[in-house]
N, C-alpha and C. Protein backbone atom coordinates (compact mmCIF):
# COMPACT_ATOMS: atom_id res chain seq x y z
N MET A 1 -49.07 9.55 -95.55
CA MET A 1 -48.51 10.68 -94.85
C MET A 1 -47.70 10.21 -93.64
N ARG A 2 -48.23 9.20 -92.96
CA ARG A 2 -47.52 8.68 -91.80
C ARG A 2 -46.18 8.09 -92.21
N ALA A 3 -46.20 7.31 -93.27
CA ALA A 3 -44.98 6.68 -93.75
C ALA A 3 -43.95 7.74 -94.15
N GLU A 4 -44.41 8.80 -94.79
CA GLU A 4 -43.51 9.89 -95.17
C GLU A 4 -42.86 10.51 -93.95
N ASN A 5 -43.66 10.73 -92.90
CA ASN A 5 -43.12 11.32 -91.67
C ASN A 5 -42.13 10.38 -90.99
N ILE A 6 -42.40 9.09 -91.03
CA ILE A 6 -41.47 8.13 -90.43
C ILE A 6 -40.14 8.19 -91.14
N VAL A 7 -40.15 8.23 -92.46
CA VAL A 7 -38.91 8.30 -93.24
C VAL A 7 -38.22 9.65 -93.01
N LYS A 8 -39.00 10.70 -93.04
CA LYS A 8 -38.45 12.06 -92.93
C LYS A 8 -37.81 12.30 -91.56
N TYR A 9 -38.45 11.82 -90.49
CA TYR A 9 -37.98 12.10 -89.13
C TYR A 9 -37.39 10.87 -88.44
N LYS A 10 -36.85 9.95 -89.22
CA LYS A 10 -36.31 8.70 -88.69
C LYS A 10 -35.25 8.94 -87.64
N ASP A 11 -34.30 9.83 -87.92
CA ASP A 11 -33.21 10.10 -86.99
C ASP A 11 -33.74 10.64 -85.66
N GLU A 12 -34.70 11.54 -85.74
CA GLU A 12 -35.27 12.12 -84.52
C GLU A 12 -36.03 11.06 -83.71
N ILE A 13 -36.78 10.22 -84.41
CA ILE A 13 -37.54 9.16 -83.73
C ILE A 13 -36.61 8.17 -83.06
N MET A 14 -35.55 7.79 -83.74
CA MET A 14 -34.60 6.81 -83.20
C MET A 14 -33.76 7.39 -82.06
N SER A 15 -33.62 8.70 -81.98
CA SER A 15 -32.81 9.29 -80.93
C SER A 15 -33.58 9.44 -79.61
N ARG A 16 -34.87 9.21 -79.64
CA ARG A 16 -35.68 9.31 -78.41
C ARG A 16 -35.29 8.19 -77.45
N PRO A 17 -35.35 8.47 -76.15
CA PRO A 17 -35.01 7.41 -75.17
C PRO A 17 -36.11 6.34 -75.14
N LYS A 18 -35.70 5.14 -74.79
CA LYS A 18 -36.65 4.05 -74.68
C LYS A 18 -37.58 4.31 -73.50
N THR A 19 -38.78 3.80 -73.60
CA THR A 19 -39.71 3.97 -72.50
C THR A 19 -39.27 3.12 -71.32
N GLU A 20 -39.49 3.63 -70.12
CA GLU A 20 -39.09 2.92 -68.92
C GLU A 20 -40.31 2.66 -68.05
N TRP A 21 -40.29 1.53 -67.38
CA TRP A 21 -41.35 1.23 -66.45
C TRP A 21 -41.11 2.00 -65.17
N HIS A 22 -42.16 2.45 -64.57
CA HIS A 22 -42.02 3.19 -63.31
C HIS A 22 -41.89 2.26 -62.13
N LYS A 23 -42.23 1.01 -62.33
CA LYS A 23 -42.12 0.03 -61.27
C LYS A 23 -41.00 -0.95 -61.61
N SER A 24 -40.32 -1.40 -60.59
CA SER A 24 -39.28 -2.39 -60.81
C SER A 24 -39.92 -3.76 -61.05
N PHE A 25 -39.13 -4.68 -61.50
CA PHE A 25 -39.62 -6.03 -61.77
C PHE A 25 -40.16 -6.66 -60.49
N ARG A 26 -39.46 -6.45 -59.41
CA ARG A 26 -39.88 -7.02 -58.11
C ARG A 26 -41.23 -6.46 -57.68
N GLU A 27 -41.43 -5.17 -57.85
CA GLU A 27 -42.71 -4.55 -57.49
C GLU A 27 -43.85 -5.11 -58.33
N LYS A 28 -43.58 -5.30 -59.61
CA LYS A 28 -44.61 -5.87 -60.49
C LYS A 28 -44.93 -7.31 -60.08
N LYS A 29 -43.90 -8.07 -59.71
CA LYS A 29 -44.09 -9.45 -59.30
C LYS A 29 -44.92 -9.52 -58.01
N ASP A 30 -44.61 -8.63 -57.06
CA ASP A 30 -45.38 -8.58 -55.81
C ASP A 30 -46.83 -8.19 -56.08
N LEU A 31 -47.03 -7.27 -56.99
CA LEU A 31 -48.38 -6.84 -57.35
C LEU A 31 -49.17 -7.99 -57.96
N ARG A 32 -48.51 -8.80 -58.77
CA ARG A 32 -49.17 -9.97 -59.36
C ARG A 32 -49.62 -10.96 -58.28
N LYS A 33 -48.73 -11.18 -57.28
CA LYS A 33 -49.07 -12.10 -56.19
C LYS A 33 -50.28 -11.59 -55.41
N GLU A 34 -50.29 -10.29 -55.12
CA GLU A 34 -51.41 -9.70 -54.39
C GLU A 34 -52.71 -9.82 -55.20
N SER A 35 -52.60 -9.60 -56.49
CA SER A 35 -53.79 -9.69 -57.34
C SER A 35 -54.34 -11.11 -57.34
N LYS A 36 -53.47 -12.10 -57.38
CA LYS A 36 -53.91 -13.48 -57.37
C LYS A 36 -54.60 -13.81 -56.05
N LYS A 37 -54.06 -13.30 -54.92
CA LYS A 37 -54.69 -13.53 -53.63
C LYS A 37 -56.08 -12.90 -53.60
N ASP A 38 -56.18 -11.68 -54.10
CA ASP A 38 -57.48 -11.01 -54.15
C ASP A 38 -58.46 -11.79 -55.00
N LEU A 39 -57.99 -12.32 -56.11
CA LEU A 39 -58.84 -13.09 -57.00
C LEU A 39 -59.34 -14.36 -56.31
N LYS A 40 -58.46 -15.01 -55.55
CA LYS A 40 -58.87 -16.21 -54.82
C LYS A 40 -59.92 -15.86 -53.77
N ASN A 41 -59.71 -14.74 -53.06
CA ASN A 41 -60.68 -14.31 -52.06
C ASN A 41 -62.02 -14.01 -52.71
N LEU A 42 -61.98 -13.37 -53.84
CA LEU A 42 -63.20 -13.04 -54.56
C LEU A 42 -63.90 -14.31 -55.00
N GLY A 43 -63.13 -15.28 -55.45
CA GLY A 43 -63.69 -16.56 -55.87
C GLY A 43 -64.36 -17.29 -54.73
N SER A 44 -63.74 -17.27 -53.54
CA SER A 44 -64.35 -17.96 -52.40
C SER A 44 -65.63 -17.25 -51.97
N LYS A 45 -65.65 -15.92 -52.03
CA LYS A 45 -66.88 -15.18 -51.70
C LYS A 45 -67.97 -15.51 -52.70
N PHE A 46 -67.61 -15.64 -53.96
CA PHE A 46 -68.57 -16.00 -54.99
C PHE A 46 -69.14 -17.39 -54.73
N ASP A 47 -68.26 -18.33 -54.38
CA ASP A 47 -68.71 -19.69 -54.08
C ASP A 47 -69.67 -19.69 -52.89
N GLU A 48 -69.35 -18.88 -51.86
CA GLU A 48 -70.23 -18.79 -50.69
C GLU A 48 -71.60 -18.26 -51.08
N SER A 49 -71.61 -17.26 -51.94
CA SER A 49 -72.89 -16.69 -52.35
C SER A 49 -73.69 -17.71 -53.16
N LEU A 50 -73.01 -18.50 -53.97
CA LEU A 50 -73.70 -19.53 -54.74
C LEU A 50 -74.33 -20.58 -53.83
N THR A 51 -73.60 -20.98 -52.79
CA THR A 51 -74.16 -21.98 -51.88
C THR A 51 -75.34 -21.39 -51.13
N ALA A 52 -75.26 -20.12 -50.75
CA ALA A 52 -76.39 -19.47 -50.07
C ALA A 52 -77.59 -19.40 -51.00
N MET A 53 -77.33 -19.07 -52.26
CA MET A 53 -78.42 -19.01 -53.23
C MET A 53 -79.01 -20.40 -53.46
N GLY A 54 -78.17 -21.41 -53.43
CA GLY A 54 -78.63 -22.78 -53.58
C GLY A 54 -79.54 -23.19 -52.43
N LYS A 55 -79.17 -22.78 -51.21
CA LYS A 55 -79.99 -23.08 -50.05
C LYS A 55 -81.34 -22.40 -50.16
N ILE A 56 -81.34 -21.16 -50.61
CA ILE A 56 -82.59 -20.42 -50.78
C ILE A 56 -83.46 -21.11 -51.82
N ALA A 57 -82.85 -21.54 -52.90
CA ALA A 57 -83.61 -22.22 -53.96
C ALA A 57 -84.20 -23.53 -53.44
N LYS A 58 -83.45 -24.26 -52.63
CA LYS A 58 -83.96 -25.51 -52.07
C LYS A 58 -85.16 -25.24 -51.16
N LEU A 59 -85.07 -24.19 -50.34
CA LEU A 59 -86.19 -23.85 -49.47
C LEU A 59 -87.41 -23.46 -50.29
N ARG A 60 -87.20 -22.68 -51.35
CA ARG A 60 -88.28 -22.26 -52.22
C ARG A 60 -88.95 -23.48 -52.87
N ASP A 61 -88.14 -24.42 -53.34
CA ASP A 61 -88.68 -25.63 -53.95
C ASP A 61 -89.46 -26.46 -52.93
N LYS A 62 -88.93 -26.52 -51.72
CA LYS A 62 -89.58 -27.29 -50.66
C LYS A 62 -90.95 -26.69 -50.35
N LYS A 63 -91.02 -25.35 -50.25
CA LYS A 63 -92.29 -24.67 -49.99
C LYS A 63 -93.27 -24.89 -51.14
N ALA A 64 -92.77 -24.85 -52.35
CA ALA A 64 -93.64 -25.06 -53.52
C ALA A 64 -94.21 -26.47 -53.51
N LYS A 65 -93.41 -27.45 -53.15
CA LYS A 65 -93.88 -28.83 -53.08
C LYS A 65 -94.93 -28.99 -51.97
N GLN A 66 -94.70 -28.29 -50.85
CA GLN A 66 -95.66 -28.35 -49.76
C GLN A 66 -97.01 -27.75 -50.19
N LYS A 67 -96.97 -26.63 -50.90
CA LYS A 67 -98.19 -26.00 -51.39
C LYS A 67 -98.91 -26.92 -52.36
N GLU A 68 -98.16 -27.58 -53.24
CA GLU A 68 -98.77 -28.52 -54.18
C GLU A 68 -99.43 -29.67 -53.44
N ALA A 69 -98.75 -30.18 -52.41
CA ALA A 69 -99.28 -31.28 -51.63
C ALA A 69 -100.56 -30.86 -50.93
N GLU A 70 -100.59 -29.61 -50.42
CA GLU A 70 -101.78 -29.10 -49.74
C GLU A 70 -102.93 -28.98 -50.73
N LYS A 71 -102.64 -28.49 -51.94
CA LYS A 71 -103.67 -28.37 -52.96
C LYS A 71 -104.23 -29.73 -53.33
N MET A 72 -103.36 -30.70 -53.48
CA MET A 72 -103.78 -32.04 -53.86
C MET A 72 -104.60 -32.67 -52.73
N ALA A 73 -104.26 -32.36 -51.49
CA ALA A 73 -104.99 -32.91 -50.34
C ALA A 73 -106.38 -32.30 -50.27
N LYS A 74 -106.54 -31.03 -50.66
CA LYS A 74 -107.85 -30.35 -50.64
C LYS A 74 -108.76 -30.91 -51.72
N VAL A 75 -108.19 -31.34 -52.83
CA VAL A 75 -108.98 -31.82 -53.95
C VAL A 75 -109.43 -33.19 -53.69
């Protein structure tokens, strides 16, 4: 049915105007640059959170080792 409609209304379909972008090329290019900057900022925040989580994990491991040492000293 779709193919029939394409053949039947070919002239009407071809006479439609081409789609246009609402933004100019320059605006799109600027938007891409801003997006990349935001992505870099997001990446640095993510890296900071990972290092903070790493520090927390190190402290947790250190406390666990201390508890084990205390248990071994009691025995």
